[in-house]
Amino acid sequence: QVQIVESGGGLVQPGGSLRLSCTPNGIIIRFVTMAWYRQAPGKQRESVASISSVDFTTYADSGKGRFTIYRDDSTNMGYLQMNSLKPEDTAVYYCRVASTWGQGTQVTVSS
């Protein structure tokens, strides 16, 4: 059974950085597409970034130039590096590996 665990969320000041981690169990991440989504209170879940098995990456306009999605094939982990964070980035961030979702990690950007 595939399970996804996210970590790395927390409280950060505007302009700060966080790195979210995605730990998949039961699946080799480099063979599938990994993606990050987020859901802010009262809003629909939206795509943030994705990386395919051939390293093709996509980013939502909101994160272009600030977010970087990548994976470490040697440890079978995925990441979302987020820089220059803004209050509007506050949300629960979810990792999806193939068709399996994690439980999410809270990111709060506030002074």
PDB file of N, CA and C in Angstrom:
ATOM      1  N   GLN A   1       0.847  -1.185   0.000  1.00  0.00           N
ATOM      2  CA  GLN A   1       0.000   0.000   0.000  1.00  0.00           C
ATOM      3  C   GLN A   1       0.888   1.243   0.000  1.00  0.00           C
ATOM      4  N   VAL A   2       0.601   2.158  -0.915  1.00  0.00           N
ATOM      5  CA  VAL A   2       1.392   3.377  -1.027  1.00  0.00           C
ATOM      6  C   VAL A   2       0.935   4.382   0.014  1.00  0.00           C
ATOM      7  N   GLN A   3       1.890   4.971   0.697  1.00  0.00           N
ATOM      8  CA  GLN A   3       1.596   6.031   1.655  1.00  0.00           C
ATOM      9  C   GLN A   3       2.532   7.192   1.393  1.00  0.00           C
ATOM     10  N   ILE A   4       2.011   8.388   1.566  1.00  0.00           N
ATOM     11  CA  ILE A   4       2.781   9.609   1.357  1.00  0.00           C
ATOM     12  C   ILE A   4       2.781  10.410   2.651  1.00  0.00           C
ATOM     13  N   VAL A   5       3.948  10.861   3.063  1.00  0.00           N
ATOM     14  CA  VAL A   5       4.053  11.677   4.272  1.00  0.00           C
ATOM     15  C   VAL A   5       4.768  12.974   3.917  1.00  0.00           C
ATOM     16  N   GLU A   6       4.122  14.094   4.230  1.00  0.00           N
ATOM     17  CA  GLU A   6       4.740  15.396   4.029  1.00  0.00           C
ATOM     18  C   GLU A   6       5.294  15.911   5.353  1.00  0.00           C
ATOM     19  N   SER A   7       6.313  16.722   5.251  1.00  0.00           N
ATOM     20  CA  SER A   7       6.876  17.381   6.431  1.00  0.00           C
ATOM     21  C   SER A   7       7.552  18.670   6.002  1.00  0.00           C
ATOM     22  N   GLY A   8       7.923  19.471   6.985  1.00  0.00           N
ATOM     23  CA  GLY A   8       8.654  20.696   6.694  1.00  0.00           C
ATOM     24  C   GLY A   8       7.846  21.969   6.781  1.00  0.00           C
ATOM     25  N   GLY A   9       6.559  21.846   6.999  1.00  0.00           N
ATOM     26  CA  GLY A   9       5.740  23.044   7.133  1.00  0.00           C
ATOM     27  C   GLY A   9       6.010  23.746   8.451  1.00  0.00           C
ATOM     28  N   GLY A  10       5.418  24.918   8.595  1.00  0.00           N
ATOM     29  CA  GLY A  10       5.580  25.669   9.829  1.00  0.00           C
ATOM     30  C   GLY A  10       5.222  27.112   9.647  1.00  0.00           C
ATOM     31  N   LEU A  11       5.614  27.905  10.638  1.00  0.00           N
ATOM     32  CA  LEU A  11       5.373  29.340  10.623  1.00  0.00           C
ATOM     33  C   LEU A  11       6.644  30.048  10.179  1.00  0.00           C
ATOM     34  N   VAL A  12       6.501  30.922   9.212  1.00  0.00           N
ATOM     35  CA  VAL A  12       7.654  31.661   8.704  1.00  0.00           C
ATOM     36  C   VAL A  12       7.231  33.095   8.425  1.00  0.00           C
ATOM     37  N   GLN A  13       8.163  34.005   8.573  1.00  0.00           N
ATOM     38  CA  GLN A  13       7.868  35.404   8.291  1.00  0.00           C
ATOM     39  C   GLN A  13       7.863  35.670   6.794  1.00  0.00           C
ATOM     40  N   PRO A  14       7.149  36.685   6.370  1.00  0.00           N
ATOM     41  CA  PRO A  14       7.185  37.050   4.945  1.00  0.00           C
ATOM     42  C   PRO A  14       8.626  37.267   4.493  1.00  0.00           C
ATOM     43  N   GLY A  15       8.921  36.735   3.314  1.00  0.00           N
ATOM     44  CA  GLY A  15      10.277  36.804   2.787  1.00  0.00           C
ATOM     45  C   GLY A  15      11.134  35.625   3.153  1.00  0.00           C
ATOM     46  N   GLY A  16      10.644  34.792   4.057  1.00  0.00           N
ATOM     47  CA  GLY A  16      11.396  33.632   4.494  1.00  0.00           C
ATOM     48  C   GLY A  16      11.286  32.455   3.545  1.00  0.00           C
ATOM     49  N   SER A  17      11.913  31.363   3.957  1.00  0.00           N
ATOM     50  CA  SER A  17      11.962  30.164   3.126  1.00  0.00           C
ATOM     51  C   SER A  17      11.567  28.933   3.934  1.00  0.00           C
ATOM     52  N   LEU A  18      11.038  27.967   3.234  1.00  0.00           N
ATOM     53  CA  LEU A  18      10.754  26.653   3.793  1.00  0.00           C
ATOM     54  C   LEU A  18      11.035  25.606   2.732  1.00  0.00           C
ATOM     55  N   ARG A  19      11.422  24.435   3.186  1.00  0.00           N
ATOM     56  CA  ARG A  19      11.541  23.310   2.275  1.00  0.00           C
ATOM     57  C   ARG A  19      10.617  22.204   2.760  1.00  0.00           C
ATOM     58  N   LEU A  20       9.666  21.870   1.918  1.00  0.00           N
ATOM     59  CA  LEU A  20       8.743  20.785   2.224  1.00  0.00           C
ATOM     60  C   LEU A  20       9.302  19.479   1.684  1.00  0.00           C
ATOM     61  N   SER A  21       9.098  18.426   2.445  1.00  0.00           N
ATOM     62  CA  SER A  21       9.566  17.108   2.040  1.00  0.00           C
ATOM     63  C   SER A  21       8.381  16.182   1.807  1.00  0.00           C
ATOM     64  N   CYS A  22       8.567  15.293   0.871  1.00  0.00           N
ATOM     65  CA  CYS A  22       7.544  14.306   0.525  1.00  0.00           C
ATOM     66  C   CYS A  22       8.200  12.933   0.582  1.00  0.00           C
ATOM     67  N   THR A  23       7.758  12.123   1.511  1.00  0.00           N
ATOM     68  CA  THR A  23       8.333  10.796   1.681  1.00  0.00           C
ATOM     69  C   THR A  23       7.316   9.753   1.236  1.00  0.00           C
ATOM     70  N   PRO A  24       7.587   9.110   0.102  1.00  0.00           N
ATOM     71  CA  PRO A  24       6.670   8.070  -0.350  1.00  0.00           C
ATOM     72  C   PRO A  24       7.113   6.702   0.146  1.00  0.00           C
ATOM     73  N   ASN A  25       6.169   5.916   0.584  1.00  0.00           N
ATOM     74  CA  ASN A  25       6.433   4.539   0.973  1.00  0.00           C
ATOM     75  C   ASN A  25       5.650   3.619   0.052  1.00  0.00           C
ATOM     76  N   GLY A  26       6.357   2.682  -0.559  1.00  0.00           N
ATOM     77  CA  GLY A  26       5.674   1.743  -1.424  1.00  0.00           C
ATOM     78  C   GLY A  26       5.672   2.119  -2.885  1.00  0.00           C
ATOM     79  N   ILE A  27       6.427   3.153  -3.243  1.00  0.00           N
ATOM     80  CA  ILE A  27       6.486   3.557  -4.640  1.00  0.00           C
ATOM     81  C   ILE A  27       7.836   4.223  -4.889  1.00  0.00           C
ATOM     82  N   ILE A  28       8.378   4.002  -6.067  1.00  0.00           N
ATOM     83  CA  ILE A  28       9.636   4.627  -6.459  1.00  0.00           C
ATOM     84  C   ILE A  28       9.306   5.939  -7.147  1.00  0.00           C
ATOM     85  N   ILE A  29       9.703   7.018  -6.515  1.00  0.00           N
ATOM     86  CA  ILE A  29       9.231   8.330  -6.936  1.00  0.00           C
ATOM     87  C   ILE A  29       9.749   8.714  -8.321  1.00  0.00           C
ATOM     88  N   ARG A  30      10.903   8.222  -8.709  1.00  0.00           N
ATOM     89  CA  ARG A  30      11.472   8.676  -9.988  1.00  0.00           C
ATOM     90  C   ARG A  30      10.759   8.069 -11.192  1.00  0.00           C
ATOM     91  N   PHE A  31       9.880   7.096 -10.959  1.00  0.00           N
ATOM     92  CA  PHE A  31       9.173   6.460 -12.063  1.00  0.00           C
ATOM     93  C   PHE A  31       7.815   7.096 -12.348  1.00  0.00           C
ATOM     94  N   VAL A  32       7.416   8.032 -11.505  1.00  0.00           N
ATOM     95  CA  VAL A  32       6.073   8.599 -11.642  1.00  0.00           C
ATOM     96  C   VAL A  32       6.142  10.123 -11.508  1.00  0.00           C
ATOM     97  N   THR A  33       5.022  10.747 -11.695  1.00  0.00           N
ATOM     98  CA  THR A  33       4.930  12.192 -11.500  1.00  0.00           C
ATOM     99  C   THR A  33       4.649  12.499 -10.037  1.00  0.00           C
ATOM    100  N   MET A  34       5.403  13.449  -9.525  1.00  0.00           N
ATOM    101  CA  MET A  34       5.178  13.963  -8.185  1.00  0.00           C
ATOM    102  C   MET A  34       4.690  15.392  -8.316  1.00  0.00           C
ATOM    103  N   ALA A  35       3.746  15.767  -7.480  1.00  0.00           N
ATOM    104  CA  ALA A  35       3.214  17.119  -7.551  1.00  0.00           C
ATOM    105  C   ALA A  35       2.906  17.649  -6.165  1.00  0.00           C
ATOM    106  N   TRP A  36       2.973  18.951  -6.055  1.00  0.00           N
ATOM    107  CA  TRP A  36       2.568  19.631  -4.829  1.00  0.00           C
ATOM    108  C   TRP A  36       1.327  20.463  -5.126  1.00  0.00           C
ATOM    109  N   TYR A  37       0.394  20.419  -4.186  1.00  0.00           N
ATOM    110  CA  TYR A  37      -0.818  21.211  -4.238  1.00  0.00           C
ATOM    111  C   TYR A  37      -0.943  21.974  -2.923  1.00  0.00           C
ATOM    112  N   ARG A  38      -1.820  22.928  -2.919  1.00  0.00           N
ATOM    113  CA  ARG A  38      -2.090  23.624  -1.663  1.00  0.00           C
ATOM    114  C   ARG A  38      -3.562  24.010  -1.597  1.00  0.00           C
ATOM    115  N   GLN A  39      -4.028  24.145  -0.374  1.00  0.00           N
ATOM    116  CA  GLN A  39      -5.411  24.554  -0.163  1.00  0.00           C
ATOM    117  C   GLN A  39      -5.452  25.540   0.991  1.00  0.00           C
ATOM    118  N   ALA A  40      -5.849  26.742   0.667  1.00  0.00           N
ATOM    119  CA  ALA A  40      -5.999  27.789   1.674  1.00  0.00           C
ATOM    120  C   ALA A  40      -7.420  27.728   2.235  1.00  0.00           C
ATOM    121  N   PRO A  41      -7.623  28.249   3.431  1.00  0.00           N
ATOM    122  CA  PRO A  41      -8.968  28.217   4.031  1.00  0.00           C
ATOM    123  C   PRO A  41     -10.007  28.875   3.118  1.00  0.00           C
ATOM    124  N   GLY A  42     -11.085  28.158   2.897  1.00  0.00           N
ATOM    125  CA  GLY A  42     -12.164  28.687   2.088  1.00  0.00           C
ATOM    126  C   GLY A  42     -11.925  28.666   0.599  1.00  0.00           C
ATOM    127  N   LYS A  43     -10.809  28.066   0.181  1.00  0.00           N
ATOM    128  CA  LYS A  43     -10.483  28.020  -1.242  1.00  0.00           C
ATOM    129  C   LYS A  43     -10.338  26.585  -1.713  1.00  0.00           C
ATOM    130  N   GLN A  44     -10.390  26.415  -3.016  1.00  0.00           N
ATOM    131  CA  GLN A  44     -10.206  25.092  -3.596  1.00  0.00           C
ATOM    132  C   GLN A  44      -8.725  24.720  -3.612  1.00  0.00           C
ATOM    133  N   ARG A  45      -8.479  23.428  -3.614  1.00  0.00           N
ATOM    134  CA  ARG A  45      -7.109  22.952  -3.735  1.00  0.00           C
ATOM    135  C   ARG A  45      -6.582  23.324  -5.111  1.00  0.00           C
ATOM    136  N   GLU A  46      -5.350  23.804  -5.151  1.00  0.00           N
ATOM    137  CA  GLU A  46      -4.765  24.212  -6.422  1.00  0.00           C
ATOM    138  C   GLU A  46      -3.377  23.612  -6.594  1.00  0.00           C
ATOM    139  N   SER A  47      -3.019  23.454  -7.835  1.00  0.00           N
ATOM    140  CA  SER A  47      -1.708  22.925  -8.163  1.00  0.00           C
ATOM    141  C   SER A  47      -0.644  23.970  -7.904  1.00  0.00           C
ATOM    142  N   VAL A  48       0.481  23.521  -7.382  1.00  0.00           N
ATOM    143  CA  VAL A  48       1.615  24.413  -7.127  1.00  0.00           C
ATOM    144  C   VAL A  48       2.756  24.110  -8.089  1.00  0.00           C
ATOM    145  N   ALA A  49       3.122  22.837  -8.189  1.00  0.00           N
ATOM    146  CA  ALA A  49       4.234  22.441  -9.041  1.00  0.00           C
ATOM    147  C   ALA A  49       4.182  20.940  -9.264  1.00  0.00           C
ATOM    148  N   SER A  50       4.833  20.495 -10.326  1.00  0.00           N
ATOM    149  CA  SER A  50       4.915  19.068 -10.594  1.00  0.00           C
ATOM    150  C   SER A  50       6.232  18.750 -11.269  1.00  0.00           C
ATOM    151  N   ILE A  51       6.637  17.502 -11.119  1.00  0.00           N
ATOM    152  CA  ILE A  51       7.840  17.018 -11.794  1.00  0.00           C
ATOM    153  C   ILE A  51       7.554  15.618 -12.301  1.00  0.00           C
ATOM    154  N   SER A  52       7.847  15.406 -13.562  1.00  0.00           N
ATOM    155  CA  SER A  52       7.548  14.114 -14.162  1.00  0.00           C
ATOM    156  C   SER A  52       8.731  13.163 -14.011  1.00  0.00           C
ATOM    157  N   SER A  53       8.528  11.947 -14.489  1.00  0.00           N
ATOM    158  CA  SER A  53       9.576  10.935 -14.411  1.00  0.00           C
ATOM    159  C   SER A  53      10.777  11.282 -15.292  1.00  0.00           C
ATOM    160  N   VAL A  54      10.567  12.193 -16.236  1.00  0.00           N
ATOM    161  CA  VAL A  54      11.686  12.618 -17.095  1.00  0.00           C
ATOM    162  C   VAL A  54      12.128  14.029 -16.735  1.00  0.00           C
ATOM    163  N   ASP A  55      11.792  14.430 -15.503  1.00  0.00           N
ATOM    164  CA  ASP A  55      12.244  15.707 -14.940  1.00  0.00           C
ATOM    165  C   ASP A  55      11.631  16.931 -15.609  1.00  0.00           C
ATOM    166  N   PHE A  56      10.503  16.743 -16.242  1.00  0.00           N
ATOM    167  CA  PHE A  56       9.795  17.902 -16.772  1.00  0.00           C
ATOM    168  C   PHE A  56       9.033  18.553 -15.622  1.00  0.00           C
ATOM    169  N   THR A  57       9.273  19.830 -15.411  1.00  0.00           N
ATOM    170  CA  THR A  57       8.644  20.522 -14.291  1.00  0.00           C
ATOM    171  C   THR A  57       7.639  21.561 -14.768  1.00  0.00           C
ATOM    172  N   THR A  58       6.615  21.747 -13.983  1.00  0.00           N
ATOM    173  CA  THR A  58       5.636  22.799 -14.234  1.00  0.00           C
ATOM    174  C   THR A  58       5.400  23.549 -12.931  1.00  0.00           C
ATOM    175  N   TYR A  59       5.059  24.814 -13.068  1.00  0.00           N
ATOM    176  CA  TYR A  59       4.804  25.645 -11.902  1.00  0.00           C
ATOM    177  C   TYR A  59       3.567  26.500 -12.150  1.00  0.00           C
ATOM    178  N   ALA A  60       2.810  26.678 -11.078  1.00  0.00           N
ATOM    179  CA  ALA A  60       1.743  27.653 -11.143  1.00  0.00           C
ATOM    180  C   ALA A  60       2.364  29.047 -11.189  1.00  0.00           C
ATOM    181  N   ASP A  61       1.672  29.970 -11.795  1.00  0.00           N
ATOM    182  CA  ASP A  61       2.197  31.331 -11.911  1.00  0.00           C
ATOM    183  C   ASP A  61       2.531  31.922 -10.539  1.00  0.00           C
ATOM    184  N   SER A  62       1.764  31.536  -9.545  1.00  0.00           N
ATOM    185  CA  SER A  62       1.959  32.103  -8.203  1.00  0.00           C
ATOM    186  C   SER A  62       3.318  31.757  -7.610  1.00  0.00           C
ATOM    187  N   GLY A  63       3.911  30.657  -8.070  1.00  0.00           N
ATOM    188  CA  GLY A  63       5.169  30.222  -7.489  1.00  0.00           C
ATOM    189  C   GLY A  63       6.372  30.323  -8.408  1.00  0.00           C
ATOM    190  N   LYS A  64       6.158  30.713  -9.642  1.00  0.00           N
ATOM    191  CA  LYS A  64       7.274  30.790 -10.594  1.00  0.00           C
ATOM    192  C   LYS A  64       8.337  31.766 -10.102  1.00  0.00           C
ATOM    193  N   GLY A  65       9.573  31.303 -10.140  1.00  0.00           N
ATOM    194  CA  GLY A  65      10.675  32.132  -9.698  1.00  0.00           C
ATOM    195  C   GLY A  65      10.914  32.083  -8.207  1.00  0.00           C
ATOM    196  N   ARG A  66       9.979  31.526  -7.460  1.00  0.00           N
ATOM    197  CA  ARG A  66      10.141  31.445  -6.000  1.00  0.00           C
ATOM    198  C   ARG A  66      10.190  30.004  -5.500  1.00  0.00           C
ATOM    199  N   PHE A  67       9.471  29.116  -6.177  1.00  0.00           N
ATOM    200  CA  PHE A  67       9.383  27.716  -5.755  1.00  0.00           C
ATOM    201  C   PHE A  67      10.183  26.831  -6.697  1.00  0.00           C
ATOM    202  N   THR A  68      10.764  25.791  -6.129  1.00  0.00           N
ATOM    203  CA  THR A  68      11.472  24.799  -6.928  1.00  0.00           C
ATOM    204  C   THR A  68      11.070  23.411  -6.467  1.00  0.00           C
ATOM    205  N   ILE A  69      10.608  22.607  -7.399  1.00  0.00           N
ATOM    206  CA  ILE A  69      10.277  21.218  -7.101  1.00  0.00           C
ATOM    207  C   ILE A  69      11.405  20.338  -7.592  1.00  0.00           C
ATOM    208  N   TYR A  70      11.765  19.370  -6.783  1.00  0.00           N
ATOM    209  CA  TYR A  70      12.817  18.453  -7.202  1.00  0.00           C
ATOM    210  C   TYR A  70      12.704  17.184  -6.376  1.00  0.00           C
ATOM    211  N   ARG A  71      13.452  16.192  -6.794  1.00  0.00           N
ATOM    212  CA  ARG A  71      13.472  14.948  -6.028  1.00  0.00           C
ATOM    213  C   ARG A  71      14.902  14.449  -5.920  1.00  0.00           C
ATOM    214  N   ASP A  72      15.126  13.650  -4.915  1.00  0.00           N
ATOM    215  CA  ASP A  72      16.417  13.014  -4.710  1.00  0.00           C
ATOM    216  C   ASP A  72      16.226  11.527  -4.955  1.00  0.00           C
ATOM    217  N   ASP A  73      16.661  11.065  -6.094  1.00  0.00           N
ATOM    218  CA  ASP A  73      16.441   9.663  -6.443  1.00  0.00           C
ATOM    219  C   ASP A  73      17.223   8.718  -5.538  1.00  0.00           C
ATOM    220  N   SER A  74      18.310   9.184  -4.945  1.00  0.00           N
ATOM    221  CA  SER A  74      19.104   8.305  -4.085  1.00  0.00           C
ATOM    222  C   SER A  74      18.400   8.006  -2.767  1.00  0.00           C
ATOM    223  N   THR A  75      17.520   8.914  -2.339  1.00  0.00           N
ATOM    224  CA  THR A  75      16.788   8.713  -1.085  1.00  0.00           C
ATOM    225  C   THR A  75      15.291   8.493  -1.318  1.00  0.00           C
ATOM    226  N   ASN A  76      14.892   8.572  -2.574  1.00  0.00           N
ATOM    227  CA  ASN A  76      13.467   8.397  -2.928  1.00  0.00           C
ATOM    228  C   ASN A  76      12.586   9.412  -2.196  1.00  0.00           C
ATOM    229  N   MET A  77      13.033  10.662  -2.203  1.00  0.00           N
ATOM    230  CA  MET A  77      12.247  11.712  -1.574  1.00  0.00           C
ATOM    231  C   MET A  77      12.044  12.876  -2.536  1.00  0.00           C
ATOM    232  N   GLY A  78      10.935  13.568  -2.339  1.00  0.00           N
ATOM    233  CA  GLY A  78      10.648  14.739  -3.134  1.00  0.00           C
ATOM    234  C   GLY A  78      10.609  15.974  -2.261  1.00  0.00           C
ATOM    235  N   TYR A  79      10.803  17.130  -2.918  1.00  0.00           N
ATOM    236  CA  TYR A  79      10.894  18.362  -2.158  1.00  0.00           C
ATOM    237  C   TYR A  79      10.209  19.500  -2.899  1.00  0.00           C
ATOM    238  N   LEU A  80       9.828  20.494  -2.107  1.00  0.00           N
ATOM    239  CA  LEU A  80       9.389  21.762  -2.661  1.00  0.00           C
ATOM    240  C   LEU A  80      10.112  22.846  -1.870  1.00  0.00           C
ATOM    241  N   GLN A  81      11.063  23.498  -2.525  1.00  0.00           N
ATOM    242  CA  GLN A  81      11.780  24.607  -1.917  1.00  0.00           C
ATOM    243  C   GLN A  81      10.995  25.879  -2.195  1.00  0.00           C
ATOM    244  N   MET A  82      10.646  26.568  -1.136  1.00  0.00           N
ATOM    245  CA  MET A  82       9.847  27.788  -1.275  1.00  0.00           C
ATOM    246  C   MET A  82      10.615  28.967  -0.695  1.00  0.00           C
ATOM    247  N   ASN A  83      10.879  29.940  -1.534  1.00  0.00           N
ATOM    248  CA  ASN A  83      11.607  31.142  -1.127  1.00  0.00           C
ATOM    249  C   ASN A  83      10.709  32.369  -1.278  1.00  0.00           C
ATOM    250  N   SER A  84      11.138  33.435  -0.649  1.00  0.00           N
ATOM    251  CA  SER A  84      10.409  34.706  -0.737  1.00  0.00           C
ATOM    252  C   SER A  84       8.928  34.506  -0.451  1.00  0.00           C
ATOM    253  N   LEU A  85       8.644  33.834   0.623  1.00  0.00           N
ATOM    254  CA  LEU A  85       7.256  33.486   0.937  1.00  0.00           C
ATOM    255  C   LEU A  85       6.429  34.711   1.259  1.00  0.00           C
ATOM    256  N   LYS A  86       5.173  34.635   0.876  1.00  0.00           N
ATOM    257  CA  LYS A  86       4.218  35.726   1.064  1.00  0.00           C
ATOM    258  C   LYS A  86       3.056  35.236   1.929  1.00  0.00           C
ATOM    259  N   PRO A  87       2.367  36.137   2.569  1.00  0.00           N
ATOM    260  CA  PRO A  87       1.197  35.714   3.366  1.00  0.00           C
ATOM    261  C   PRO A  87       0.189  34.910   2.550  1.00  0.00           C
ATOM    262  N   GLU A  88       0.055  35.232   1.279  1.00  0.00           N
ATOM    263  CA  GLU A  88      -0.902  34.506   0.442  1.00  0.00           C
ATOM    264  C   GLU A  88      -0.457  33.082   0.116  1.00  0.00           C
ATOM    265  N   ASP A  89       0.757  32.720   0.512  1.00  0.00           N
ATOM    266  CA  ASP A  89       1.195  31.331   0.373  1.00  0.00           C
ATOM    267  C   ASP A  89       0.712  30.458   1.521  1.00  0.00           C
ATOM    268  N   THR A  90       0.103  31.065   2.510  1.00  0.00           N
ATOM    269  CA  THR A  90      -0.427  30.312   3.644  1.00  0.00           C
ATOM    270  C   THR A  90      -1.480  29.316   3.174  1.00  0.00           C
ATOM    271  N   ALA A  91      -1.264  28.061   3.516  1.00  0.00           N
ATOM    272  CA  ALA A  91      -2.156  26.993   3.071  1.00  0.00           C
ATOM    273  C   ALA A  91      -1.671  25.669   3.651  1.00  0.00           C
ATOM    274  N   VAL A  92      -2.489  24.660   3.486  1.00  0.00           N
ATOM    275  CA  VAL A  92      -2.031  23.295   3.720  1.00  0.00           C
ATOM    276  C   VAL A  92      -1.477  22.794   2.388  1.00  0.00           C
ATOM    277  N   TYR A  93      -0.277  22.286   2.432  1.00  0.00           N
ATOM    278  CA  TYR A  93       0.395  21.816   1.227  1.00  0.00           C
ATOM    279  C   TYR A  93       0.371  20.284   1.202  1.00  0.00           C
ATOM    280  N   TYR A  94      -0.004  19.771   0.050  1.00  0.00           N
ATOM    281  CA  TYR A  94      -0.146  18.338  -0.126  1.00  0.00           C
ATOM    282  C   TYR A  94       0.811  17.844  -1.214  1.00  0.00           C
ATOM    283  N   CYS A  95       1.367  16.692  -0.970  1.00  0.00           N
ATOM    284  CA  CYS A  95       2.171  16.011  -1.981  1.00  0.00           C
ATOM    285  C   CYS A  95       1.330  14.895  -2.593  1.00  0.00           C
ATOM    286  N   ARG A  96       1.403  14.806  -3.902  1.00  0.00           N
ATOM    287  CA  ARG A  96       0.749  13.702  -4.599  1.00  0.00           C
ATOM    288  C   ARG A  96       1.810  12.968  -5.422  1.00  0.00           C
ATOM    289  N   VAL A  97       1.889  11.679  -5.212  1.00  0.00           N
ATOM    290  CA  VAL A  97       2.807  10.830  -5.973  1.00  0.00           C
ATOM    291  C   VAL A  97       1.955   9.835  -6.743  1.00  0.00           C
ATOM    292  N   ALA A  98       2.050   9.903  -8.045  1.00  0.00           N
ATOM    293  CA  ALA A  98       1.144   9.152  -8.931  1.00  0.00           C
ATOM    294  C   ALA A  98      -0.281   9.557  -8.528  1.00  0.00           C
ATOM    295  N   SER A  99      -1.086   8.633  -8.028  1.00  0.00           N
ATOM    296  CA  SER A  99      -2.466   8.973  -7.663  1.00  0.00           C
ATOM    297  C   SER A  99      -2.699   8.993  -6.161  1.00  0.00           C
ATOM    298  N   THR A 100      -1.645   8.935  -5.381  1.00  0.00           N
ATOM    299  CA  THR A 100      -1.757   8.875  -3.930  1.00  0.00           C
ATOM    300  C   THR A 100      -1.411  10.215  -3.297  1.00  0.00           C
ATOM    301  N   TRP A 101      -2.254  10.625  -2.377  1.00  0.00           N
ATOM    302  CA  TRP A 101      -2.090  11.908  -1.685  1.00  0.00           C
ATOM    303  C   TRP A 101      -1.587  11.704  -0.264  1.00  0.00           C
ATOM    304  N   GLY A 102      -0.812  12.690   0.191  1.00  0.00           N
ATOM    305  CA  GLY A 102      -0.468  12.721   1.589  1.00  0.00           C
ATOM    306  C   GLY A 102      -1.530  13.451   2.390  1.00  0.00           C
ATOM    307  N   GLN A 103      -1.267  13.582   3.678  1.00  0.00           N
ATOM    308  CA  GLN A 103      -2.226  14.215   4.583  1.00  0.00           C
ATOM    309  C   GLN A 103      -2.051  15.725   4.656  1.00  0.00           C
ATOM    310  N   GLY A 104      -0.955  16.217   4.163  1.00  0.00           N
ATOM    311  CA  GLY A 104      -0.744  17.661   4.131  1.00  0.00           C
ATOM    312  C   GLY A 104       0.115  18.170   5.273  1.00  0.00           C
ATOM    313  N   THR A 105       0.733  19.311   5.030  1.00  0.00           N
ATOM    314  CA  THR A 105       1.529  19.996   6.043  1.00  0.00           C
ATOM    315  C   THR A 105       1.187  21.483   5.977  1.00  0.00           C
ATOM    316  N   GLN A 106       0.990  22.078   7.142  1.00  0.00           N
ATOM    317  CA  GLN A 106       0.547  23.464   7.205  1.00  0.00           C
ATOM    318  C   GLN A 106       1.715  24.412   7.017  1.00  0.00           C
ATOM    319  N   VAL A 107       1.526  25.371   6.150  1.00  0.00           N
ATOM    320  CA  VAL A 107       2.480  26.462   5.966  1.00  0.00           C
ATOM    321  C   VAL A 107       1.765  27.760   6.298  1.00  0.00           C
ATOM    322  N   THR A 108       2.318  28.504   7.233  1.00  0.00           N
ATOM    323  CA  THR A 108       1.755  29.784   7.619  1.00  0.00           C
ATOM    324  C   THR A 108       2.814  30.857   7.464  1.00  0.00           C
ATOM    325  N   VAL A 109       2.497  31.856   6.667  1.00  0.00           N
ATOM    326  CA  VAL A 109       3.418  32.968   6.432  1.00  0.00           C
ATOM    327  C   VAL A 109       2.813  34.205   7.082  1.00  0.00           C
ATOM    328  N   SER A 110       3.449  34.629   8.148  1.00  0.00           N
ATOM    329  CA  SER A 110       2.896  35.737   8.911  1.00  0.00           C
ATOM    330  C   SER A 110       3.994  36.396   9.742  1.00  0.00           C
ATOM    331  N   SER A 111       3.834  37.700   9.944  1.00  0.00           N
ATOM    332  CA  SER A 111       4.774  38.412  10.800  1.00  0.00           C
ATOM    333  C   SER A 111       4.244  38.474  12.223  1.00  0.00           C
TER     334      SER A 111
END
